[in-house]
Amino acid sequence: MDEIGMRRSIERVRAEFLEMPGLRLTAGQVQRLCGVDHTICQDVLDALVDMGVLRKNPDGTYARLSDGGMPTHIDSKTKHKARKAS
């Protein structure tokens, strides 16, 4: 997939999550919803996690980072500090 196609796929998946607060989908569900190849879908989800738009939950679903919860890529020291500060 070229760069323009990848950007379009990222925007498509991002839009789905932004339009539907509380949406929780597995990679397979996102793949079917957006009609993209498995590898491309995973690259898009990884990019959105890296961009801070989505988080991957322990159950394997993806959700908007702004819907609450901690992203799974934050280490335990950061989580501890965040809890301690509040």
N, C-alpha and C. Protein backbone atom coordinates (compact mmCIF):
# COMPACT_ATOMS: atom_id res chain seq x y z
N MET A 1 0.85 -1.18 0.00
CA MET A 1 0.00 0.00 0.00
C MET A 1 0.89 1.23 0.00
N ASP A 2 0.52 2.21 -0.81
CA ASP A 2 1.32 3.43 -0.86
C ASP A 2 0.98 4.34 0.33
N GLU A 3 1.76 5.40 0.46
CA GLU A 3 1.61 6.30 1.60
C GLU A 3 0.23 6.96 1.64
N ILE A 4 -0.29 7.35 0.50
CA ILE A 4 -1.62 7.99 0.44
C ILE A 4 -2.69 7.00 0.88
N GLY A 5 -2.60 5.77 0.40
CA GLY A 5 -3.56 4.74 0.81
C GLY A 5 -3.50 4.46 2.30
N MET A 6 -2.29 4.44 2.85
CA MET A 6 -2.13 4.22 4.28
C MET A 6 -2.75 5.36 5.07
N ARG A 7 -2.50 6.59 4.64
CA ARG A 7 -3.09 7.75 5.33
C ARG A 7 -4.60 7.70 5.28
N ARG A 8 -5.15 7.32 4.14
CA ARG A 8 -6.61 7.21 4.01
C ARG A 8 -7.16 6.14 4.95
N SER A 9 -6.45 5.03 5.04
CA SER A 9 -6.89 3.95 5.93
C SER A 9 -6.83 4.40 7.39
N ILE A 10 -5.77 5.10 7.75
CA ILE A 10 -5.65 5.61 9.12
C ILE A 10 -6.80 6.56 9.42
N GLU A 11 -7.08 7.47 8.50
CA GLU A 11 -8.17 8.42 8.72
C GLU A 11 -9.53 7.73 8.79
N ARG A 12 -9.72 6.69 7.99
CA ARG A 12 -10.98 5.95 8.01
C ARG A 12 -11.21 5.28 9.36
N VAL A 13 -10.19 4.58 9.85
CA VAL A 13 -10.32 3.90 11.14
C VAL A 13 -10.45 4.92 12.26
N ARG A 14 -9.66 5.97 12.21
CA ARG A 14 -9.73 7.03 13.22
C ARG A 14 -11.13 7.63 13.28
N ALA A 15 -11.71 7.89 12.12
CA ALA A 15 -13.06 8.48 12.05
C ALA A 15 -14.10 7.56 12.67
N GLU A 16 -13.98 6.25 12.43
CA GLU A 16 -14.94 5.30 13.01
C GLU A 16 -14.92 5.39 14.53
N PHE A 17 -13.73 5.43 15.12
CA PHE A 17 -13.63 5.49 16.57
C PHE A 17 -14.05 6.86 17.12
N LEU A 18 -13.77 7.93 16.40
CA LEU A 18 -14.15 9.26 16.87
C LEU A 18 -15.66 9.49 16.79
N GLU A 19 -16.30 8.90 15.79
CA GLU A 19 -17.74 9.08 15.62
C GLU A 19 -18.56 8.27 16.60
N MET A 20 -17.96 7.25 17.20
CA MET A 20 -18.70 6.35 18.07
C MET A 20 -17.99 6.20 19.41
N PRO A 21 -18.18 7.14 20.33
CA PRO A 21 -17.55 7.03 21.65
C PRO A 21 -17.92 5.70 22.31
N GLY A 22 -16.96 5.12 22.98
CA GLY A 22 -17.20 3.85 23.66
C GLY A 22 -17.00 2.63 22.78
N LEU A 23 -16.71 2.85 21.51
CA LEU A 23 -16.52 1.74 20.57
C LEU A 23 -15.31 0.90 20.99
N ARG A 24 -15.50 -0.40 21.05
CA ARG A 24 -14.43 -1.35 21.35
C ARG A 24 -14.46 -2.42 20.27
N LEU A 25 -13.38 -2.54 19.51
CA LEU A 25 -13.33 -3.50 18.42
C LEU A 25 -12.01 -4.27 18.44
N THR A 26 -12.07 -5.53 18.05
CA THR A 26 -10.84 -6.30 17.84
C THR A 26 -10.26 -5.91 16.49
N ALA A 27 -9.03 -6.32 16.24
CA ALA A 27 -8.40 -6.04 14.94
C ALA A 27 -9.22 -6.68 13.82
N GLY A 28 -9.71 -7.88 14.03
CA GLY A 28 -10.53 -8.55 13.02
C GLY A 28 -11.82 -7.80 12.72
N GLN A 29 -12.43 -7.24 13.74
CA GLN A 29 -13.66 -6.45 13.52
C GLN A 29 -13.35 -5.17 12.76
N VAL A 30 -12.24 -4.52 13.07
CA VAL A 30 -11.85 -3.31 12.34
C VAL A 30 -11.56 -3.67 10.89
N GLN A 31 -10.91 -4.79 10.68
CA GLN A 31 -10.58 -5.25 9.33
C GLN A 31 -11.85 -5.44 8.50
N ARG A 32 -12.85 -6.09 9.08
CA ARG A 32 -14.11 -6.31 8.35
C ARG A 32 -14.88 -5.01 8.15
N LEU A 33 -14.91 -4.16 9.17
CA LEU A 33 -15.63 -2.89 9.08
C LEU A 33 -15.07 -1.99 7.98
N CYS A 34 -13.76 -1.94 7.88
CA CYS A 34 -13.11 -1.04 6.93
C CYS A 34 -12.69 -1.71 5.63
N GLY A 35 -12.83 -3.02 5.56
CA GLY A 35 -12.52 -3.73 4.33
C GLY A 35 -11.06 -3.66 3.93
N VAL A 36 -10.17 -3.82 4.91
CA VAL A 36 -8.74 -3.79 4.61
C VAL A 36 -8.09 -5.13 4.95
N ASP A 37 -6.98 -5.39 4.32
CA ASP A 37 -6.17 -6.58 4.54
C ASP A 37 -5.71 -6.64 6.00
N HIS A 38 -5.52 -7.85 6.52
CA HIS A 38 -5.11 -8.05 7.92
C HIS A 38 -3.84 -7.29 8.27
N THR A 39 -2.81 -7.40 7.44
CA THR A 39 -1.53 -6.75 7.72
C THR A 39 -1.68 -5.23 7.73
N ILE A 40 -2.40 -4.71 6.75
CA ILE A 40 -2.63 -3.26 6.68
C ILE A 40 -3.42 -2.79 7.89
N CYS A 41 -4.44 -3.56 8.25
CA CYS A 41 -5.27 -3.21 9.40
C CYS A 41 -4.41 -3.12 10.66
N GLN A 42 -3.55 -4.10 10.86
CA GLN A 42 -2.70 -4.09 12.05
C GLN A 42 -1.74 -2.91 12.02
N ASP A 43 -1.18 -2.59 10.84
CA ASP A 43 -0.30 -1.42 10.72
C ASP A 43 -1.04 -0.13 11.06
N VAL A 44 -2.29 -0.03 10.61
CA VAL A 44 -3.11 1.16 10.88
C VAL A 44 -3.39 1.26 12.38
N LEU A 45 -3.79 0.16 13.00
CA LEU A 45 -4.07 0.17 14.44
C LEU A 45 -2.81 0.51 15.23
N ASP A 46 -1.68 -0.07 14.86
CA ASP A 46 -0.42 0.25 15.53
C ASP A 46 -0.08 1.74 15.40
N ALA A 47 -0.30 2.29 14.21
CA ALA A 47 -0.02 3.71 13.99
C ALA A 47 -0.92 4.58 14.86
N LEU A 48 -2.20 4.22 14.96
CA LEU A 48 -3.13 5.01 15.78
C LEU A 48 -2.82 4.89 17.27
N VAL A 49 -2.31 3.75 17.71
CA VAL A 49 -1.86 3.61 19.09
C VAL A 49 -0.63 4.49 19.31
N ASP A 50 0.32 4.43 18.38
CA ASP A 50 1.54 5.25 18.48
C ASP A 50 1.23 6.74 18.47
N MET A 51 0.18 7.13 17.74
CA MET A 51 -0.21 8.54 17.64
C MET A 51 -1.00 9.00 18.88
N GLY A 52 -1.37 8.06 19.75
CA GLY A 52 -2.13 8.42 20.95
C GLY A 52 -3.61 8.60 20.69
N VAL A 53 -4.10 8.05 19.59
CA VAL A 53 -5.53 8.13 19.28
C VAL A 53 -6.27 6.95 19.89
N LEU A 54 -5.68 5.76 19.77
CA LEU A 54 -6.29 4.54 20.29
C LEU A 54 -5.40 3.93 21.35
N ARG A 55 -6.00 3.03 22.12
CA ARG A 55 -5.25 2.19 23.03
C ARG A 55 -5.67 0.75 22.79
N LYS A 56 -4.78 -0.17 23.10
CA LYS A 56 -5.12 -1.59 23.01
C LYS A 56 -5.39 -2.08 24.42
N ASN A 57 -6.57 -2.59 24.63
CA ASN A 57 -6.97 -3.08 25.95
C ASN A 57 -6.41 -4.48 26.19
N PRO A 58 -6.32 -4.89 27.45
CA PRO A 58 -5.81 -6.22 27.77
C PRO A 58 -6.61 -7.36 27.10
N ASP A 59 -7.88 -7.12 26.79
CA ASP A 59 -8.70 -8.16 26.14
C ASP A 59 -8.51 -8.20 24.63
N GLY A 60 -7.60 -7.37 24.09
CA GLY A 60 -7.31 -7.37 22.67
C GLY A 60 -8.15 -6.42 21.85
N THR A 61 -9.08 -5.71 22.48
CA THR A 61 -9.88 -4.74 21.74
C THR A 61 -9.15 -3.40 21.70
N TYR A 62 -9.53 -2.60 20.73
CA TYR A 62 -9.00 -1.24 20.59
C TYR A 62 -10.11 -0.25 20.92
N ALA A 63 -9.73 0.85 21.55
CA ALA A 63 -10.68 1.89 21.93
C ALA A 63 -9.99 3.24 21.86
N ARG A 64 -10.80 4.29 21.82
CA ARG A 64 -10.22 5.64 21.85
C ARG A 64 -9.48 5.84 23.15
N LEU A 65 -8.32 6.41 23.08
CA LEU A 65 -7.55 6.71 24.28
C LEU A 65 -8.33 7.68 25.17
N SER A 66 -9.06 8.60 24.58
CA SER A 66 -9.82 9.60 25.34
C SER A 66 -11.04 9.02 26.03
N ASP A 67 -11.37 7.75 25.78
CA ASP A 67 -12.51 7.12 26.46
C ASP A 67 -12.15 6.65 27.85
N GLY A 68 -10.95 6.94 28.32
CA GLY A 68 -10.54 6.57 29.67
C GLY A 68 -9.64 5.36 29.67
N GLY A 69 -9.06 5.10 30.81
CA GLY A 69 -8.16 3.96 30.94
C GLY A 69 -6.74 4.36 30.60
N MET A 70 -5.84 3.47 30.89
CA MET A 70 -4.42 3.70 30.63
C MET A 70 -4.01 2.97 29.38
N PRO A 71 -3.21 3.56 28.52
CA PRO A 71 -2.69 2.82 27.38
C PRO A 71 -1.80 1.68 27.85
N THR A 72 -1.79 0.57 27.12
CA THR A 72 -1.03 -0.59 27.55
C THR A 72 0.46 -0.41 27.37
N HIS A 73 0.90 0.59 26.60
CA HIS A 73 2.33 0.75 26.39
C HIS A 73 3.01 1.58 27.46
N ILE A 74 2.27 2.08 28.44
CA ILE A 74 2.87 2.83 29.55
C ILE A 74 3.40 1.82 30.56
N ASP A 75 4.64 2.02 30.99
CA ASP A 75 5.23 1.05 31.90
C ASP A 75 4.66 1.19 33.31
N SER A 76 4.92 0.21 34.14
CA SER A 76 4.35 0.17 35.48
C SER A 76 4.83 1.33 36.35
N LYS A 77 6.05 1.83 36.15
CA LYS A 77 6.54 2.97 36.94
C LYS A 77 5.71 4.21 36.64
N THR A 78 5.39 4.42 35.36
CA THR A 78 4.58 5.58 34.97
C THR A 78 3.19 5.46 35.57
N LYS A 79 2.59 4.26 35.52
CA LYS A 79 1.26 4.06 36.11
C LYS A 79 1.29 4.36 37.59
N HIS A 80 2.33 3.89 38.28
CA HIS A 80 2.45 4.10 39.72
C HIS A 80 2.53 5.59 40.04
N LYS A 81 3.37 6.31 39.29
CA LYS A 81 3.51 7.75 39.50
C LYS A 81 2.20 8.48 39.25
N ALA A 82 1.46 8.06 38.21
CA ALA A 82 0.18 8.71 37.89
C ALA A 82 -0.81 8.50 39.02
N ARG A 83 -0.85 7.31 39.59
CA ARG A 83 -1.77 7.05 40.70
C ARG A 83 -1.36 7.82 41.95
N LYS A 84 -0.06 7.90 42.20
CA LYS A 84 0.45 8.57 43.37
C LYS A 84 0.18 10.07 43.33
N ALA A 85 0.23 10.66 42.13
CA ALA A 85 0.06 12.11 41.98
C ALA A 85 -1.38 12.55 42.20
N SER A 86 -2.33 11.66 42.04
CA SER A 86 -3.74 12.08 42.15
C SER A 86 -4.29 12.02 43.52
